[in-house]
Structures are given as C-alpha cells and as structure tokens.
Amino acid sequence: MSRPRTRSREFELLASRIESALAPKGAKVKSPDRIRDKITGQYREVDVSIRYTVGSCDLLITIECRDRSRVQDVTWIEQLATKRAHVGADRTIAVSSTDFTEAALRAGVAHNISLRRISELTNDEIRDLTSPLEVIIGFIDLTPGRMVLVYRDVSDTSLALDEPSQNLFNSLAWDAPIFRCKDASDPVTLNDLIARSVPPTMQSTGATNSQSTPFPRSPILDHLPEVPADGSPVSRTMRLEIEDGELSVVTDQGPKLLRELLFEVTARRRTEKIPASRVADYSDEHRIVSRFTEYEVQLGGNKSLRIFSHPTIESNTEAPENCDKA
C-alpha cells in the first residue's frame, strides 16, 4: 500500500520519521496503515501507526497529519477522537504545520489526542544555533574503463555489441542491463554479475579517463584492495570467467555466448560536506519535544539517502512564542 509523493504525503512521512526516532526500541512504525474499524468492520486508513508492547499489553498509537495554511480548529480534533475510538487506538497524535486553536487544545486533552506542530527554522535561526549543522559524507568514485568481451566459438575479432546495448553501457556502465543469463528471465547488469561471482582475478593496470560515477555501495568494492583515504586512485582490470552456455549478449551479428569478460575500473575516495536540507522543531503546546535536522544526499541517478538527526532537548525548553498554549 502506498500513496503518491505529494506535499501532504511528504509531511506524513516526515512525521513518521520523527516519531520513529523518538519511539522506544522494538516499536513498529508504519505509514500509511489500515486498521479494522471495531464498529463497522471495515478498514480505516491512518497516516501513521505505532505498535508497541509493554509487559503483556499491546499498545496502538495512530498519527494523523495536516499540512495546511490555516490554524487547526476543534472540528478536526473531534473527528480524530471519533476515529480513535472506532479503531481502538490507545492514543492519537495530531500533527500540524500550523498552530491549534484554544478550543482544539482543550479538546485534545479531553479526548486523549496529543497535539504536535512541526515548525521549520529560518536560515537566520539555523545560523544562530551554537552547533554546526553539517554532515561530512565519504564517497568512493568508481570510474569505468574499457570492457572486453571474449566470445565462445567466435574467431571474428571485429564483433561488437549491437548499438542499443552499447548505448546502454555508455550511459549506465555498471547498471546497464545488457547481459542474458540462462537462469534469469530479465537482462542483468555487470553489477549483478560481480555480486554473484567469486572474487575475480585482478591485475594492475593504468588509470582510465572515463566519466566517474558515484555509487553508495557497489559489489565491485568487495573485489578491490583498500582504497587509500588520501584520494590516491586504485586501478584494476577485473576478469570474470563464465561457464559454458551461462551468459550471452546481443552483438551486431546477433546473440553470442561469452567465455569471459574483462573490464577496467579506477576507484578514488573523496569527501563532501552536506548542508542541512531541513531544520525544524517538533512541539507540543508547552515545549519543544525535539529539534531535528535532515540531510539529503544525492547518490546518482534518481537515488538519494536521507539522514535524520534529533539531539536530546532539555525538558524545560519552551515552545516557540507563536505556538498556542493551553
């Protein structure tokens, strides 16, 4: 079950990450979730659920989110109170990007609804923080070089990949699905072949000048010696032996079986300072529950890594002035 990545959905996922970070070890957080209505018997969807066992008791907390421009009033809280009773939640947390009215705050207390607000800090406020909000990420850049295919029962040295396969390899390198395995229905990549192989034979070779592509964790790294921390490159030619009839590619003369595959790779370490993409406070009506920081690291292509940090907040930290108090 999934929802489109709209702004509202991103806000739900943010609330889920915050509560996951604050939840005790062993708690199960799910977003979204479907829970059976105890009265109608039908399933009701909640933005986030938290399940946790204390002693012999199973606890259920539901979270509902609103990312809107208006102040949240008592009507929403009353709706959530009814829904909480119907799904049998021990408590519901209402998370908003804006304040709550006085009536909403009082209704939350009466109906066992905890009210939370996520308020992002401005750039000036971030600069005023005493601790630097930055992350240093270490990367290993892998530079693909020349690939040599050795065919079975083919003496024609001019044989080459067909144009679509060559274009895929030129653009995707390790992730180009150009190989056909006997035991796989879909084409596989060079990364797939390396991951399933025994450590290949490695020989020293000169550095290549191909475009470098960052990888979060390529199986190629398992077959390389230690990459120096000072940024010095490590270059190798790797060789994969292939069992008879196991692997083929499409060439300019049709499909051909492979006997072995050789490719060059250069690895080099680098570091990059990642600025915070979001710094915000997570508050109830009296205090800041958590001040969290998020960092988003682009890993190449459409892949990214999100890092979430939430340092401990002192219990006497007050909520922002614009956060209503009961």
C-alpha atoms as a PDB file:
ATOM      1  CA  MET A   1       0.000   0.000   0.000  1.00  0.00           C
ATOM      2  CA  SER A   2       1.442   3.366  -0.991  1.00  0.00           C
ATOM      3  CA  ARG A   3       0.408   6.945  -1.627  1.00  0.00           C
ATOM      4  CA  PRO A   4       1.622   9.393  -4.297  1.00  0.00           C
ATOM      5  CA  ARG A   5       4.546  11.595  -3.214  1.00  0.00           C
ATOM      6  CA  THR A   6       2.529  14.791  -2.788  1.00  0.00           C
ATOM      7  CA  ARG A   7       3.428  17.598  -0.369  1.00  0.00           C
ATOM      8  CA  SER A   8       0.885  16.195   2.119  1.00  0.00           C
ATOM      9  CA  ARG A   9       2.417  12.730   1.793  1.00  0.00           C
ATOM     10  CA  GLU A  10       5.913  14.117   2.376  1.00  0.00           C
ATOM     11  CA  PHE A  11       4.597  15.774   5.542  1.00  0.00           C
ATOM     12  CA  GLU A  12       3.162  12.430   6.716  1.00  0.00           C
ATOM     13  CA  LEU A  13       6.489  10.703   6.075  1.00  0.00           C
ATOM     14  CA  LEU A  14       8.301  13.452   7.978  1.00  0.00           C
ATOM     15  CA  ALA A  15       6.022  12.929  10.986  1.00  0.00           C
ATOM     16  CA  SER A  16       6.618   9.189  10.688  1.00  0.00           C
ATOM     17  CA  ARG A  17      10.415   9.677  10.730  1.00  0.00           C
ATOM     18  CA  ILE A  18      10.221  11.950  13.768  1.00  0.00           C
ATOM     19  CA  GLU A  19       8.069   9.576  15.790  1.00  0.00           C
ATOM     20  CA  SER A  20      10.172   6.595  14.662  1.00  0.00           C
ATOM     21  CA  ALA A  21      13.266   8.337  16.010  1.00  0.00           C
ATOM     22  CA  LEU A  22      11.528   9.113  19.311  1.00  0.00           C
ATOM     23  CA  ALA A  23       9.843   5.718  19.707  1.00  0.00           C
ATOM     24  CA  PRO A  24      11.317   3.107  22.077  1.00  0.00           C
ATOM     25  CA  LYS A  25      13.325   0.211  20.716  1.00  0.00           C
ATOM     26  CA  GLY A  26      11.042  -2.503  19.395  1.00  0.00           C
ATOM     27  CA  ALA A  27       8.214  -0.178  18.335  1.00  0.00           C
ATOM     28  CA  LYS A  28       6.811  -0.856  14.864  1.00  0.00           C
ATOM     29  CA  VAL A  29       6.029   2.253  12.818  1.00  0.00           C
ATOM     30  CA  LYS A  30       4.047   2.003   9.572  1.00  0.00           C
ATOM     31  CA  SER A  31       2.922   4.716   7.149  1.00  0.00           C
ATOM     32  CA  PRO A  32       0.235   4.564   5.948  1.00  0.00           C
ATOM     33  CA  ASP A  33      -1.627   1.782   7.726  1.00  0.00           C
ATOM     34  CA  ARG A  34      -5.093   0.219   7.541  1.00  0.00           C
ATOM     35  CA  ILE A  35      -6.838  -0.728  10.779  1.00  0.00           C
ATOM     36  CA  ARG A  36     -10.163  -2.510  11.120  1.00  0.00           C
ATOM     37  CA  ASP A  37     -12.993  -0.357  12.464  1.00  0.00           C
ATOM     38  CA  LYS A  38     -14.358  -2.085  15.568  1.00  0.00           C
ATOM     39  CA  ILE A  39     -17.885  -0.829  14.875  1.00  0.00           C
ATOM     40  CA  THR A  40     -18.347  -1.093  11.104  1.00  0.00           C
ATOM     41  CA  GLY A  41     -15.869  -3.926  10.487  1.00  0.00           C
ATOM     42  CA  GLN A  42     -14.370  -2.009   7.545  1.00  0.00           C
ATOM     43  CA  TYR A  43     -10.724  -0.984   7.300  1.00  0.00           C
ATOM     44  CA  ARG A  44      -9.813   2.635   8.063  1.00  0.00           C
ATOM     45  CA  GLU A  45      -6.621   4.230   6.800  1.00  0.00           C
ATOM     46  CA  VAL A  46      -4.410   6.213   9.158  1.00  0.00           C
ATOM     47  CA  ASP A  47      -1.415   8.326   8.171  1.00  0.00           C
ATOM     48  CA  VAL A  48       0.956   6.576  10.610  1.00  0.00           C
ATOM     49  CA  SER A  49       0.616   3.810  13.186  1.00  0.00           C
ATOM     50  CA  ILE A  50       2.923   2.887  16.063  1.00  0.00           C
ATOM     51  CA  ARG A  51       2.581  -0.505  17.734  1.00  0.00           C
ATOM     52  CA  TYR A  52       4.468  -1.349  20.901  1.00  0.00           C
ATOM     53  CA  THR A  53       4.220  -3.993  23.606  1.00  0.00           C
ATOM     54  CA  VAL A  54       4.588  -3.008  27.261  1.00  0.00           C
ATOM     55  CA  GLY A  55       4.581  -6.014  29.555  1.00  0.00           C
ATOM     56  CA  SER A  56       1.634  -8.093  28.408  1.00  0.00           C
ATOM     57  CA  CYS A  57      -0.215  -5.149  26.807  1.00  0.00           C
ATOM     58  CA  ASP A  58      -0.153  -4.299  23.094  1.00  0.00           C
ATOM     59  CA  LEU A  59      -0.414  -0.544  22.564  1.00  0.00           C
ATOM     60  CA  LEU A  60      -1.574   1.205  19.382  1.00  0.00           C
ATOM     61  CA  ILE A  61      -0.895   4.866  18.633  1.00  0.00           C
ATOM     62  CA  THR A  62      -2.230   6.463  15.459  1.00  0.00           C
ATOM     63  CA  ILE A  63      -0.928   9.660  13.880  1.00  0.00           C
ATOM     64  CA  GLU A  64      -2.921  11.961  11.612  1.00  0.00           C
ATOM     65  CA  CYS A  65      -1.306  14.876   9.780  1.00  0.00           C
ATOM     66  CA  ARG A  66      -2.355  18.191   8.248  1.00  0.00           C
ATOM     67  CA  ASP A  67      -0.042  20.437   6.260  1.00  0.00           C
ATOM     68  CA  ARG A  68      -2.284  23.460   5.674  1.00  0.00           C
ATOM     69  CA  SER A  69      -2.056  27.226   5.928  1.00  0.00           C
ATOM     70  CA  ARG A  70      -4.927  27.723   8.382  1.00  0.00           C
ATOM     71  CA  VAL A  71      -4.917  27.222  12.145  1.00  0.00           C
ATOM     72  CA  GLN A  72      -6.376  23.831  13.088  1.00  0.00           C
ATOM     73  CA  ASP A  73      -9.668  24.058  14.979  1.00  0.00           C
ATOM     74  CA  VAL A  74     -11.691  21.849  17.280  1.00  0.00           C
ATOM     75  CA  THR A  75     -13.615  20.175  14.438  1.00  0.00           C
ATOM     76  CA  TRP A  76     -10.567  18.182  13.285  1.00  0.00           C
ATOM     77  CA  ILE A  77      -9.797  17.078  16.831  1.00  0.00           C
ATOM     78  CA  GLU A  78     -13.382  15.887  17.356  1.00  0.00           C
ATOM     79  CA  GLN A  79     -13.203  13.911  14.098  1.00  0.00           C
ATOM     80  CA  LEU A  80      -9.963  12.291  15.217  1.00  0.00           C
ATOM     81  CA  ALA A  81     -11.474  11.432  18.600  1.00  0.00           C
ATOM     82  CA  THR A  82     -14.278   9.505  16.905  1.00  0.00           C
ATOM     83  CA  LYS A  83     -11.840   7.738  14.597  1.00  0.00           C
ATOM     84  CA  ARG A  84      -9.537   6.864  17.524  1.00  0.00           C
ATOM     85  CA  ALA A  85     -12.424   5.221  19.360  1.00  0.00           C
ATOM     86  CA  HIS A  86     -13.544   3.301  16.256  1.00  0.00           C
ATOM     87  CA  VAL A  87     -10.094   1.796  15.511  1.00  0.00           C
ATOM     88  CA  GLY A  88      -9.315   1.168  19.172  1.00  0.00           C
ATOM     89  CA  ALA A  89      -6.171   3.292  19.374  1.00  0.00           C
ATOM     90  CA  ASP A  90      -4.831   3.967  22.862  1.00  0.00           C
ATOM     91  CA  ARG A  91      -3.829   7.453  21.758  1.00  0.00           C
ATOM     92  CA  THR A  92      -3.847   9.573  18.618  1.00  0.00           C
ATOM     93  CA  ILE A  93      -1.269  12.228  17.756  1.00  0.00           C
ATOM     94  CA  ALA A  94      -2.467  15.139  15.594  1.00  0.00           C
ATOM     95  CA  VAL A  95       0.475  16.684  13.723  1.00  0.00           C
ATOM     96  CA  SER A  96       0.049  20.075  12.046  1.00  0.00           C
ATOM     97  CA  SER A  97       2.284  22.550  10.240  1.00  0.00           C
ATOM     98  CA  THR A  98       0.296  25.406  11.853  1.00  0.00           C
ATOM     99  CA  ASP A  99      -0.987  26.281  15.325  1.00  0.00           C
ATOM    100  CA  PHE A 100      -4.065  24.892  17.074  1.00  0.00           C
ATOM    101  CA  THR A 101      -6.920  26.989  18.423  1.00  0.00           C
ATOM    102  CA  GLU A 102      -7.533  27.199  22.149  1.00  0.00           C
ATOM    103  CA  ALA A 103     -10.645  25.055  21.741  1.00  0.00           C
ATOM    104  CA  ALA A 104      -8.653  22.436  19.831  1.00  0.00           C
ATOM    105  CA  LEU A 105      -6.063  22.280  22.606  1.00  0.00           C
ATOM    106  CA  ARG A 106      -8.765  21.714  25.235  1.00  0.00           C
ATOM    107  CA  ALA A 107     -10.486  19.087  23.081  1.00  0.00           C
ATOM    108  CA  GLY A 108      -7.181  17.251  22.662  1.00  0.00           C
ATOM    109  CA  VAL A 109      -6.806  16.922  26.425  1.00  0.00           C
ATOM    110  CA  ALA A 110     -10.420  15.759  26.810  1.00  0.00           C
ATOM    111  CA  HIS A 111     -10.264  13.166  24.035  1.00  0.00           C
ATOM    112  CA  ASN A 112      -6.762  11.748  24.596  1.00  0.00           C
ATOM    113  CA  ILE A 113      -5.393  13.409  21.438  1.00  0.00           C
ATOM    114  CA  SER A 114      -1.789  14.683  21.639  1.00  0.00           C
ATOM    115  CA  LEU A 115      -1.199  17.793  19.538  1.00  0.00           C
ATOM    116  CA  ARG A 116       2.108  18.382  17.772  1.00  0.00           C
ATOM    117  CA  ARG A 117       3.370  21.112  15.481  1.00  0.00           C
ATOM    118  CA  ILE A 118       6.277  20.956  13.033  1.00  0.00           C
ATOM    119  CA  SER A 119       7.780  24.423  12.537  1.00  0.00           C
ATOM    120  CA  GLU A 120      10.783  24.821  10.249  1.00  0.00           C
ATOM    121  CA  LEU A 121      13.571  27.163  11.287  1.00  0.00           C
ATOM    122  CA  THR A 122      14.624  30.004   9.017  1.00  0.00           C
ATOM    123  CA  ASN A 123      18.152  30.317   7.636  1.00  0.00           C
ATOM    124  CA  ASP A 124      18.905  33.083  10.166  1.00  0.00           C
ATOM    125  CA  GLU A 125      17.751  30.876  13.042  1.00  0.00           C
ATOM    126  CA  ILE A 126      19.878  27.986  11.758  1.00  0.00           C
ATOM    127  CA  ARG A 127      22.963  30.233  11.621  1.00  0.00           C
ATOM    128  CA  ASP A 128      22.327  31.306  15.221  1.00  0.00           C
ATOM    129  CA  LEU A 129      22.498  27.740  16.526  1.00  0.00           C
ATOM    130  CA  THR A 130      25.642  27.089  18.554  1.00  0.00           C
ATOM    131  CA  SER A 131      26.471  23.687  16.982  1.00  0.00           C
ATOM    132  CA  PRO A 132      27.316  23.388  13.268  1.00  0.00           C
ATOM    133  CA  LEU A 133      24.605  21.595  11.330  1.00  0.00           C
ATOM    134  CA  GLU A 134      26.520  19.733   8.675  1.00  0.00           C
ATOM    135  CA  VAL A 135      27.402  16.194   7.690  1.00  0.00           C
ATOM    136  CA  ILE A 136      30.586  15.020   6.005  1.00  0.00           C
ATOM    137  CA  ILE A 137      29.898  12.111   3.629  1.00  0.00           C
ATOM    138  CA  GLY A 138      32.634   9.856   2.294  1.00  0.00           C
ATOM    139  CA  PHE A 139      32.258   8.586  -1.266  1.00  0.00           C
ATOM    140  CA  ILE A 140      34.202   6.149  -3.394  1.00  0.00           C
ATOM    141  CA  ASP A 141      34.014   7.176  -7.033  1.00  0.00           C
ATOM    142  CA  LEU A 142      34.256   4.294  -9.489  1.00  0.00           C
ATOM    143  CA  THR A 143      35.442   5.195 -12.966  1.00  0.00           C
ATOM    144  CA  PRO A 144      34.528   2.579 -15.583  1.00  0.00           C
ATOM    145  CA  GLY A 145      37.099   1.934 -18.256  1.00  0.00           C
ATOM    146  CA  ARG A 146      37.326  -0.357 -21.269  1.00  0.00           C
ATOM    147  CA  MET A 147      35.286  -3.586 -21.310  1.00  0.00           C
ATOM    148  CA  VAL A 148      36.453  -6.580 -23.355  1.00  0.00           C
ATOM    149  CA  LEU A 149      34.117  -9.460 -24.201  1.00  0.00           C
ATOM    150  CA  VAL A 150      35.610 -12.812 -25.159  1.00  0.00           C
ATOM    151  CA  TYR A 151      33.120 -14.930 -27.100  1.00  0.00           C
ATOM    152  CA  ARG A 152      32.812 -18.713 -27.353  1.00  0.00           C
ATOM    153  CA  ASP A 153      33.467 -20.326 -30.710  1.00  0.00           C
ATOM    154  CA  VAL A 154      33.882 -16.946 -32.436  1.00  0.00           C
ATOM    155  CA  SER A 155      37.060 -16.018 -34.241  1.00  0.00           C
ATOM    156  CA  ASP A 156      35.851 -12.683 -35.669  1.00  0.00           C
ATOM    157  CA  THR A 157      37.745 -10.037 -33.684  1.00  0.00           C
ATOM    158  CA  SER A 158      35.587  -7.225 -35.121  1.00  0.00           C
ATOM    159  CA  LEU A 159      32.494  -8.490 -33.310  1.00  0.00           C
ATOM    160  CA  ALA A 160      30.927  -5.774 -31.119  1.00  0.00           C
ATOM    161  CA  LEU A 161      27.834  -5.087 -29.058  1.00  0.00           C
ATOM    162  CA  ASP A 162      24.807  -4.039 -31.035  1.00  0.00           C
ATOM    163  CA  GLU A 163      24.023  -0.316 -30.953  1.00  0.00           C
ATOM    164  CA  PRO A 164      21.253  -0.390 -28.245  1.00  0.00           C
ATOM    165  CA  SER A 165      23.440  -2.451 -25.883  1.00  0.00           C
ATOM    166  CA  GLN A 166      26.468  -0.225 -26.475  1.00  0.00           C
ATOM    167  CA  ASN A 167      24.399   2.916 -25.842  1.00  0.00           C
ATOM    168  CA  LEU A 168      23.092   1.440 -22.586  1.00  0.00           C
ATOM    169  CA  PHE A 169      26.615   0.621 -21.406  1.00  0.00           C
ATOM    170  CA  ASN A 170      27.886   4.080 -22.374  1.00  0.00           C
ATOM    171  CA  SER A 171      25.164   5.762 -20.291  1.00  0.00           C
ATOM    172  CA  LEU A 172      24.693   3.345 -17.356  1.00  0.00           C
ATOM    173  CA  ALA A 173      28.011   1.450 -17.187  1.00  0.00           C
ATOM    174  CA  TRP A 174      27.722  -0.992 -14.258  1.00  0.00           C
ATOM    175  CA  ASP A 175      23.921  -0.729 -14.232  1.00  0.00           C
ATOM    176  CA  ALA A 176      23.349  -1.386 -17.926  1.00  0.00           C
ATOM    177  CA  PRO A 177      21.064  -4.484 -18.347  1.00  0.00           C
ATOM    178  CA  ILE A 178      22.806  -5.916 -21.405  1.00  0.00           C
ATOM    179  CA  PHE A 179      23.664  -9.472 -20.334  1.00  0.00           C
ATOM    180  CA  ARG A 180      21.430 -12.533 -20.634  1.00  0.00           C
ATOM    181  CA  CYS A 181      21.810 -15.273 -18.035  1.00  0.00           C
ATOM    182  CA  LYS A 182      20.469 -18.766 -18.619  1.00  0.00           C
ATOM    183  CA  ASP A 183      18.779 -18.794 -15.204  1.00  0.00           C
ATOM    184  CA  ALA A 184      17.298 -15.252 -15.352  1.00  0.00           C
ATOM    185  CA  SER A 185      14.229 -14.121 -17.298  1.00  0.00           C
ATOM    186  CA  ASP A 186      15.324 -10.460 -17.468  1.00  0.00           C
ATOM    187  CA  PRO A 187      18.629  -8.970 -18.606  1.00  0.00           C
ATOM    188  CA  VAL A 188      21.229  -8.464 -15.853  1.00  0.00           C
ATOM    189  CA  THR A 189      23.908  -5.864 -15.272  1.00  0.00           C
ATOM    190  CA  LEU A 190      27.637  -6.001 -14.735  1.00  0.00           C
ATOM    191  CA  ASN A 191      26.985  -5.188 -11.076  1.00  0.00           C
ATOM    192  CA  ASP A 192      24.695  -8.236 -10.893  1.00  0.00           C
ATOM    193  CA  LEU A 193      27.374 -10.469 -12.399  1.00  0.00           C
ATOM    194  CA  ILE A 194      30.042  -9.215  -9.998  1.00  0.00           C
ATOM    195  CA  ALA A 195      27.767  -9.638  -6.979  1.00  0.00           C
ATOM    196  CA  ARG A 196      27.061 -13.301  -7.794  1.00  0.00           C
ATOM    197  CA  SER A 197      30.616 -14.215  -8.812  1.00  0.00           C
ATOM    198  CA  VAL A 198      33.582 -15.487  -6.830  1.00  0.00           C
ATOM    199  CA  PRO A 199      36.326 -12.851  -6.367  1.00  0.00           C
ATOM    200  CA  PRO A 200      37.680 -12.218  -9.867  1.00  0.00           C
ATOM    201  CA  THR A 201      41.334 -12.254 -10.874  1.00  0.00           C
ATOM    202  CA  MET A 202      42.767  -8.742 -10.540  1.00  0.00           C
ATOM    203  CA  GLN A 203      45.725  -7.296 -12.385  1.00  0.00           C
ATOM    204  CA  SER A 204      47.359  -3.852 -12.103  1.00  0.00           C
ATOM    205  CA  THR A 205      46.597  -1.514 -14.968  1.00  0.00           C
ATOM    206  CA  GLY A 206      46.859   2.146 -15.853  1.00  0.00           C
ATOM    207  CA  ALA A 207      44.216   4.711 -14.912  1.00  0.00           C
ATOM    208  CA  THR A 208      41.379   5.418 -17.347  1.00  0.00           C
ATOM    209  CA  ASN A 209      39.808   8.739 -18.286  1.00  0.00           C
ATOM    210  CA  SER A 210      36.138   7.744 -18.394  1.00  0.00           C
ATOM    211  CA  GLN A 211      33.475   9.763 -16.604  1.00  0.00           C
ATOM    212  CA  SER A 212      33.304   8.998 -12.865  1.00  0.00           C
ATOM    213  CA  THR A 213      30.011   7.822 -11.370  1.00  0.00           C
ATOM    214  CA  PRO A 214      29.439   7.786  -7.562  1.00  0.00           C
ATOM    215  CA  PHE A 215      27.973   4.599  -6.061  1.00  0.00           C
ATOM    216  CA  PRO A 216      26.718   4.174  -2.486  1.00  0.00           C
ATOM    217  CA  ARG A 217      27.935   0.573  -2.307  1.00  0.00           C
ATOM    218  CA  SER A 218      28.884  -1.302  -5.438  1.00  0.00           C
ATOM    219  CA  PRO A 219      29.728  -5.015  -5.256  1.00  0.00           C
ATOM    220  CA  ILE A 220      32.870  -4.082  -7.196  1.00  0.00           C
ATOM    221  CA  LEU A 221      34.283  -2.710  -3.934  1.00  0.00           C
ATOM    222  CA  ASP A 222      34.273  -6.217  -2.448  1.00  0.00           C
ATOM    223  CA  HIS A 223      36.834  -7.220  -5.080  1.00  0.00           C
ATOM    224  CA  LEU A 224      39.146  -4.197  -4.793  1.00  0.00           C
ATOM    225  CA  PRO A 225      42.012  -3.688  -2.344  1.00  0.00           C
ATOM    226  CA  GLU A 226      41.660  -0.932   0.254  1.00  0.00           C
ATOM    227  CA  VAL A 227      41.088   2.439  -1.425  1.00  0.00           C
ATOM    228  CA  PRO A 228      43.504   4.997   0.119  1.00  0.00           C
ATOM    229  CA  ALA A 229      41.939   7.717   2.273  1.00  0.00           C
ATOM    230  CA  ASP A 230      44.208  10.404   0.777  1.00  0.00           C
ATOM    231  CA  GLY A 231      42.406  10.331  -2.576  1.00  0.00           C
ATOM    232  CA  SER A 232      45.033   8.338  -4.442  1.00  0.00           C
ATOM    233  CA  PRO A 233      43.430   6.200  -7.185  1.00  0.00           C
ATOM    234  CA  VAL A 234      43.454   2.413  -7.243  1.00  0.00           C
ATOM    235  CA  SER A 235      43.119   0.917 -10.719  1.00  0.00           C
ATOM    236  CA  ARG A 236      42.475  -2.697 -11.658  1.00  0.00           C
ATOM    237  CA  THR A 237      41.499  -4.892 -14.560  1.00  0.00           C
ATOM    238  CA  MET A 238      38.933  -7.447 -13.456  1.00  0.00           C
ATOM    239  CA  ARG A 239      38.292 -10.756 -15.162  1.00  0.00           C
ATOM    240  CA  LEU A 240      35.157 -12.878 -14.884  1.00  0.00           C
ATOM    241  CA  GLU A 241      35.247 -16.433 -16.195  1.00  0.00           C
ATOM    242  CA  ILE A 242      31.878 -17.689 -17.435  1.00  0.00           C
ATOM    243  CA  GLU A 243      30.672 -21.269 -17.534  1.00  0.00           C
ATOM    244  CA  ASP A 244      29.726 -22.717 -20.900  1.00  0.00           C
ATOM    245  CA  GLY A 245      26.290 -21.524 -22.044  1.00  0.00           C
ATOM    246  CA  GLU A 246      25.615 -19.412 -18.946  1.00  0.00           C
ATOM    247  CA  LEU A 247      25.864 -15.882 -20.355  1.00  0.00           C
ATOM    248  CA  SER A 248      25.257 -14.117 -23.665  1.00  0.00           C
ATOM    249  CA  VAL A 249      24.979 -10.647 -25.154  1.00  0.00           C
ATOM    250  CA  VAL A 250      23.422  -9.226 -28.296  1.00  0.00           C
ATOM    251  CA  THR A 251      26.079  -8.259 -30.831  1.00  0.00           C
ATOM    252  CA  ASP A 252      25.972  -6.602 -34.221  1.00  0.00           C
ATOM    253  CA  GLN A 253      25.804 -10.170 -35.570  1.00  0.00           C
ATOM    254  CA  GLY A 254      23.088 -11.404 -33.196  1.00  0.00           C
ATOM    255  CA  PRO A 255      23.213 -13.115 -29.749  1.00  0.00           C
ATOM    256  CA  LYS A 256      26.563 -14.653 -28.828  1.00  0.00           C
ATOM    257  CA  LEU A 257      27.723 -16.737 -25.858  1.00  0.00           C
ATOM    258  CA  LEU A 258      30.512 -15.363 -23.665  1.00  0.00           C
ATOM    259  CA  ARG A 259      33.554 -17.221 -22.361  1.00  0.00           C
ATOM    260  CA  GLU A 260      34.993 -14.446 -20.214  1.00  0.00           C
ATOM    261  CA  LEU A 261      34.620 -10.772 -19.521  1.00  0.00           C
ATOM    262  CA  LEU A 262      37.328  -8.225 -18.680  1.00  0.00           C
ATOM    263  CA  PHE A 263      36.768  -4.633 -17.564  1.00  0.00           C
ATOM    264  CA  GLU A 264      38.839  -1.814 -16.130  1.00  0.00           C
ATOM    265  CA  VAL A 265      37.915   0.164 -13.034  1.00  0.00           C
ATOM    266  CA  THR A 266      39.547   3.012 -11.096  1.00  0.00           C
ATOM    267  CA  ALA A 267      38.458   3.783  -7.513  1.00  0.00           C
ATOM    268  CA  ARG A 268      39.158   7.018  -5.641  1.00  0.00           C
ATOM    269  CA  ARG A 269      37.951   8.308  -2.244  1.00  0.00           C
ATOM    270  CA  ARG A 270      36.523  11.795  -1.738  1.00  0.00           C
ATOM    271  CA  THR A 271      34.513  13.640   0.894  1.00  0.00           C
ATOM    272  CA  GLU A 272      31.693  16.125   0.529  1.00  0.00           C
ATOM    273  CA  LYS A 273      30.126  18.495   3.050  1.00  0.00           C
ATOM    274  CA  ILE A 274      26.340  18.119   3.029  1.00  0.00           C
ATOM    275  CA  PRO A 275      24.308  21.108   4.306  1.00  0.00           C
ATOM    276  CA  ALA A 276      21.101  20.546   6.227  1.00  0.00           C
ATOM    277  CA  SER A 277      18.051  20.380   3.955  1.00  0.00           C
ATOM    278  CA  ARG A 278      15.645  20.985   6.846  1.00  0.00           C
ATOM    279  CA  VAL A 279      15.910  22.075  10.481  1.00  0.00           C
ATOM    280  CA  ALA A 280      12.651  22.168  12.439  1.00  0.00           C
ATOM    281  CA  ASP A 281      11.107  21.971  15.881  1.00  0.00           C
ATOM    282  CA  TYR A 282       8.588  19.308  16.884  1.00  0.00           C
ATOM    283  CA  SER A 283       6.489  20.870  19.654  1.00  0.00           C
ATOM    284  CA  ASP A 284       3.501  20.214  21.840  1.00  0.00           C
ATOM    285  CA  GLU A 285       1.530  23.058  23.418  1.00  0.00           C
ATOM    286  CA  HIS A 286       4.102  23.549  26.199  1.00  0.00           C
ATOM    287  CA  ARG A 287       7.592  22.737  24.931  1.00  0.00           C
ATOM    288  CA  ILE A 288       9.820  21.625  22.090  1.00  0.00           C
ATOM    289  CA  VAL A 289       9.743  17.832  22.066  1.00  0.00           C
ATOM    290  CA  SER A 290      12.593  17.505  19.567  1.00  0.00           C
ATOM    291  CA  ARG A 291      14.652  19.747  17.313  1.00  0.00           C
ATOM    292  CA  PHE A 292      15.564  17.645  14.319  1.00  0.00           C
ATOM    293  CA  THR A 293      17.804  18.064  11.308  1.00  0.00           C
ATOM    294  CA  GLU A 294      17.534  16.305   7.951  1.00  0.00           C
ATOM    295  CA  TYR A 295      20.218  15.924   5.308  1.00  0.00           C
ATOM    296  CA  GLU A 296      19.544  14.633   1.800  1.00  0.00           C
ATOM    297  CA  VAL A 297      22.446  13.113  -0.116  1.00  0.00           C
ATOM    298  CA  GLN A 298      22.129  12.549  -3.862  1.00  0.00           C
ATOM    299  CA  LEU A 299      23.739   9.253  -4.838  1.00  0.00           C
ATOM    300  CA  GLY A 300      23.454   9.489  -8.609  1.00  0.00           C
ATOM    301  CA  GLY A 301      20.554   8.902 -10.941  1.00  0.00           C
ATOM    302  CA  ASN A 302      17.290   9.079  -9.005  1.00  0.00           C
ATOM    303  CA  LYS A 303      18.764   7.577  -5.830  1.00  0.00           C
ATOM    304  CA  SER A 304      19.146   9.561  -2.636  1.00  0.00           C
ATOM    305  CA  LEU A 305      19.970   8.981   1.011  1.00  0.00           C
ATOM    306  CA  ARG A 306      18.159  10.796   3.821  1.00  0.00           C
ATOM    307  CA  ILE A 307      19.948  11.275   7.168  1.00  0.00           C
ATOM    308  CA  PHE A 308      17.839  12.191  10.207  1.00  0.00           C
ATOM    309  CA  SER A 309      19.289  13.627  13.413  1.00  0.00           C
ATOM    310  CA  HIS A 310      17.421  14.577  16.597  1.00  0.00           C
ATOM    311  CA  PRO A 311      19.599  15.661  19.542  1.00  0.00           C
ATOM    312  CA  THR A 312      18.086  15.461  23.015  1.00  0.00           C
ATOM    313  CA  ILE A 313      16.095  18.539  24.031  1.00  0.00           C
ATOM    314  CA  GLU A 314      16.156  19.667  27.648  1.00  0.00           C
ATOM    315  CA  SER A 315      12.792  19.163  29.331  1.00  0.00           C
ATOM    316  CA  ASN A 316      12.466  22.858  30.237  1.00  0.00           C
ATOM    317  CA  THR A 317      12.853  24.080  26.654  1.00  0.00           C
ATOM    318  CA  GLU A 318       9.855  26.251  25.838  1.00  0.00           C
ATOM    319  CA  ALA A 319       7.796  26.059  22.681  1.00  0.00           C
ATOM    320  CA  PRO A 320       8.063  28.882  20.110  1.00  0.00           C
ATOM    321  CA  GLU A 321       6.138  32.022  21.005  1.00  0.00           C
ATOM    322  CA  ASN A 322       3.709  31.518  18.132  1.00  0.00           C
ATOM    323  CA  CYS A 323       2.730  28.055  19.371  1.00  0.00           C
ATOM    324  CA  ASP A 324      -0.540  28.309  21.341  1.00  0.00           C
ATOM    325  CA  LYS A 325      -0.511  27.135  24.938  1.00  0.00           C
ATOM    326  CA  ALA A 326      -3.354  25.571  26.889  1.00  0.00           C
END
